[in-house]
C-alpha atoms as a PDB file:
ATOM      1  CA  MET A   1     -13.728  21.935  16.840  1.00  0.00           C
ATOM      2  CA  LEU A   2     -12.841  25.170  18.470  1.00  0.00           C
ATOM      3  CA  HIS A   3     -11.010  27.728  16.586  1.00  0.00           C
ATOM      4  CA  LEU A   4      -8.852  30.402  18.256  1.00  0.00           C
ATOM      5  CA  ILE A   5      -8.354  33.225  16.086  1.00  0.00           C
ATOM      6  CA  PHE A   6      -5.571  35.833  17.140  1.00  0.00           C
ATOM      7  CA  GLN A   7      -4.662  36.835  13.546  1.00  0.00           C
ATOM      8  CA  SER A   8      -5.083  40.459  12.558  1.00  0.00           C
ATOM      9  CA  PRO A   9      -5.760  41.403   9.849  1.00  0.00           C
ATOM     10  CA  LEU A  10      -8.078  38.466   9.524  1.00  0.00           C
ATOM     11  CA  ASP A  11      -7.492  36.347   6.365  1.00  0.00           C
ATOM     12  CA  SER A  12     -10.604  35.199   4.493  1.00  0.00           C
ATOM     13  CA  ALA A  13      -8.894  31.955   3.969  1.00  0.00           C
ATOM     14  CA  VAL A  14      -9.059  31.292   7.622  1.00  0.00           C
ATOM     15  CA  LEU A  15     -12.885  31.653   7.586  1.00  0.00           C
ATOM     16  CA  GLU A  16     -13.067  29.190   4.628  1.00  0.00           C
ATOM     17  CA  ARG A  17     -11.496  26.569   6.888  1.00  0.00           C
ATOM     18  CA  ILE A  18     -13.887  26.512   9.572  1.00  0.00           C
ATOM     19  CA  ALA A  19     -16.387  23.701   9.104  1.00  0.00           C
ATOM     20  CA  VAL A  20     -20.141  23.986   9.748  1.00  0.00           C
ATOM     21  CA  GLY A  21     -20.729  23.627  13.472  1.00  0.00           C
ATOM     22  CA  ASP A  22     -17.442  24.671  14.674  1.00  0.00           C
ATOM     23  CA  GLU A  23     -17.144  27.332  17.213  1.00  0.00           C
ATOM     24  CA  VAL A  24     -14.853  30.252  16.919  1.00  0.00           C
ATOM     25  CA  ILE A  25     -13.266  32.659  19.377  1.00  0.00           C
ATOM     26  CA  PHE A  26     -11.620  35.872  18.362  1.00  0.00           C
ATOM     27  CA  LEU A  27      -8.956  37.040  20.706  1.00  0.00           C
ATOM     28  CA  GLU A  28      -6.305  40.003  21.051  1.00  0.00           C
ATOM     29  CA  ASN A  29      -6.407  42.278  18.117  1.00  0.00           C
ATOM     30  CA  ALA A  30      -8.513  39.907  16.095  1.00  0.00           C
ATOM     31  CA  VAL A  31     -11.517  41.296  17.814  1.00  0.00           C
ATOM     32  CA  LEU A  32     -11.023  44.513  15.721  1.00  0.00           C
ATOM     33  CA  ARG A  33     -12.225  42.638  12.662  1.00  0.00           C
ATOM     34  CA  LEU A  34     -15.623  42.013  14.304  1.00  0.00           C
ATOM     35  CA  LEU A  35     -16.726  45.754  14.105  1.00  0.00           C
ATOM     36  CA  LYS A  36     -20.112  45.966  12.170  1.00  0.00           C
ATOM     37  CA  ASN A  37     -18.652  48.437   9.743  1.00  0.00           C
ATOM     38  CA  SER A  38     -15.476  46.456   9.040  1.00  0.00           C
ATOM     39  CA  VAL A  39     -14.588  44.879   5.611  1.00  0.00           C
ATOM     40  CA  PHE A  40     -15.436  41.615   7.101  1.00  0.00           C
ATOM     41  CA  SER A  41     -18.808  42.356   8.454  1.00  0.00           C
ATOM     42  CA  ALA A  42     -20.666  40.654   5.432  1.00  0.00           C
ATOM     43  CA  ALA A  43     -18.353  37.598   5.806  1.00  0.00           C
ATOM     44  CA  LEU A  44     -18.869  37.366   9.446  1.00  0.00           C
ATOM     45  CA  THR A  45     -22.700  37.650   9.111  1.00  0.00           C
ATOM     46  CA  GLN A  46     -22.750  34.735   6.702  1.00  0.00           C
ATOM     47  CA  GLN A  47     -20.466  32.779   8.865  1.00  0.00           C
ATOM     48  CA  LEU A  48     -23.037  33.091  11.710  1.00  0.00           C
ATOM     49  CA  THR A  49     -25.252  31.166   9.783  1.00  0.00           C
ATOM     50  CA  LYS A  50     -22.845  28.065  10.073  1.00  0.00           C
ATOM     51  CA  ASN A  51     -20.982  28.783  13.336  1.00  0.00           C
ATOM     52  CA  ARG A  52     -20.975  30.341  16.696  1.00  0.00           C
ATOM     53  CA  LEU A  53     -18.539  33.246  16.984  1.00  0.00           C
ATOM     54  CA  PHE A  54     -17.414  34.473  20.398  1.00  0.00           C
ATOM     55  CA  VAL A  55     -15.067  37.282  21.654  1.00  0.00           C
ATOM     56  CA  LEU A  56     -13.787  37.649  25.179  1.00  0.00           C
ATOM     57  CA  ALA A  57     -15.294  40.540  27.142  1.00  0.00           C
ATOM     58  CA  ASP A  58     -11.901  41.581  28.443  1.00  0.00           C
ATOM     59  CA  ASP A  59     -10.464  42.043  24.842  1.00  0.00           C
ATOM     60  CA  LEU A  60     -13.461  44.315  23.989  1.00  0.00           C
ATOM     61  CA  LEU A  61     -12.738  46.280  27.212  1.00  0.00           C
ATOM     62  CA  VAL A  62      -9.121  46.831  26.766  1.00  0.00           C
ATOM     63  CA  ARG A  63      -9.745  48.091  23.208  1.00  0.00           C
ATOM     64  CA  GLY A  64     -12.744  50.461  24.360  1.00  0.00           C
ATOM     65  CA  LEU A  65     -15.298  48.344  22.697  1.00  0.00           C
ATOM     66  CA  ASN A  66     -18.643  46.814  23.658  1.00  0.00           C
ATOM     67  CA  ALA A  67     -20.985  44.461  22.137  1.00  0.00           C
ATOM     68  CA  THR A  68     -23.059  47.090  20.292  1.00  0.00           C
ATOM     69  CA  ASP A  69     -20.068  47.928  18.214  1.00  0.00           C
ATOM     70  CA  LEU A  70     -19.749  44.200  16.635  1.00  0.00           C
ATOM     71  CA  VAL A  71     -21.666  42.495  14.064  1.00  0.00           C
ATOM     72  CA  ALA A  72     -24.785  41.242  15.562  1.00  0.00           C
ATOM     73  CA  GLY A  73     -24.851  37.758  16.675  1.00  0.00           C
ATOM     74  CA  ILE A  74     -21.394  37.480  17.851  1.00  0.00           C
ATOM     75  CA  GLU A  75     -21.270  36.554  21.584  1.00  0.00           C
ATOM     76  CA  VAL A  76     -19.400  38.153  24.276  1.00  0.00           C
ATOM     77  CA  ILE A  77     -17.985  35.466  26.650  1.00  0.00           C
ATOM     78  CA  SER A  78     -15.843  35.450  30.058  1.00  0.00           C
ATOM     79  CA  TYR A  79     -12.768  33.491  30.587  1.00  0.00           C
ATOM     80  CA  ALA A  80     -14.875  30.970  32.436  1.00  0.00           C
ATOM     81  CA  GLN A  81     -17.014  30.534  29.450  1.00  0.00           C
ATOM     82  CA  TRP A  82     -13.745  30.121  27.141  1.00  0.00           C
ATOM     83  CA  VAL A  83     -12.728  27.403  29.561  1.00  0.00           C
ATOM     84  CA  ASP A  84     -16.163  25.680  29.009  1.00  0.00           C
ATOM     85  CA  LEU A  85     -15.681  25.837  25.286  1.00  0.00           C
ATOM     86  CA  THR A  86     -12.375  24.106  25.407  1.00  0.00           C
ATOM     87  CA  ILE A  87     -13.788  21.331  27.465  1.00  0.00           C
ATOM     88  CA  LYS A  88     -16.616  20.834  25.088  1.00  0.00           C
ATOM     89  CA  ASN A  89     -14.451  20.971  21.988  1.00  0.00           C
ATOM     90  CA  THR A  90     -11.637  18.392  22.464  1.00  0.00           C
ATOM     91  CA  VAL A  91      -9.995  19.520  19.267  1.00  0.00           C
ATOM     92  CA  ILE A  92      -8.642  23.250  19.056  1.00  0.00           C
ATOM     93  CA  GLN A  93      -7.040  25.077  16.210  1.00  0.00           C
ATOM     94  CA  SER A  94      -5.119  28.220  16.886  1.00  0.00           C
ATOM     95  CA  TRP A  95      -4.779  30.692  14.145  1.00  0.00           C
ATOM     96  CA  THR A  96      -1.877  33.164  14.772  1.00  0.00           C
END
C-alpha cells in the first residue's frame, strides 16, 4: 500500500496505521515533520526499519530544504518516481 501524507502536524496515530512493507510519501507541509531535529525524528527513524519513506524534491525546494536537513534514510524523489510508486502500489491511502 502507498500512503500519501499531507497532514501537518503529523499525527503519531497515522504512523501506527502504516503496515510493515508499506511505502509512504510525505507531501506539501508534511515534509516539515521530516527534519532531523523535529519531534518526530526518533519515530521516523524507527519507521524506516519497516517502511520506505519518500519526499518530493519539489516540496523540499519550495520550502528551502534539502536532503541533508531530513532524517537519514528518507528518499527524495521526482514526480516521475511518484507515478512509478502509484503504479507499483494499487492501493493508495491519503492522509489529509
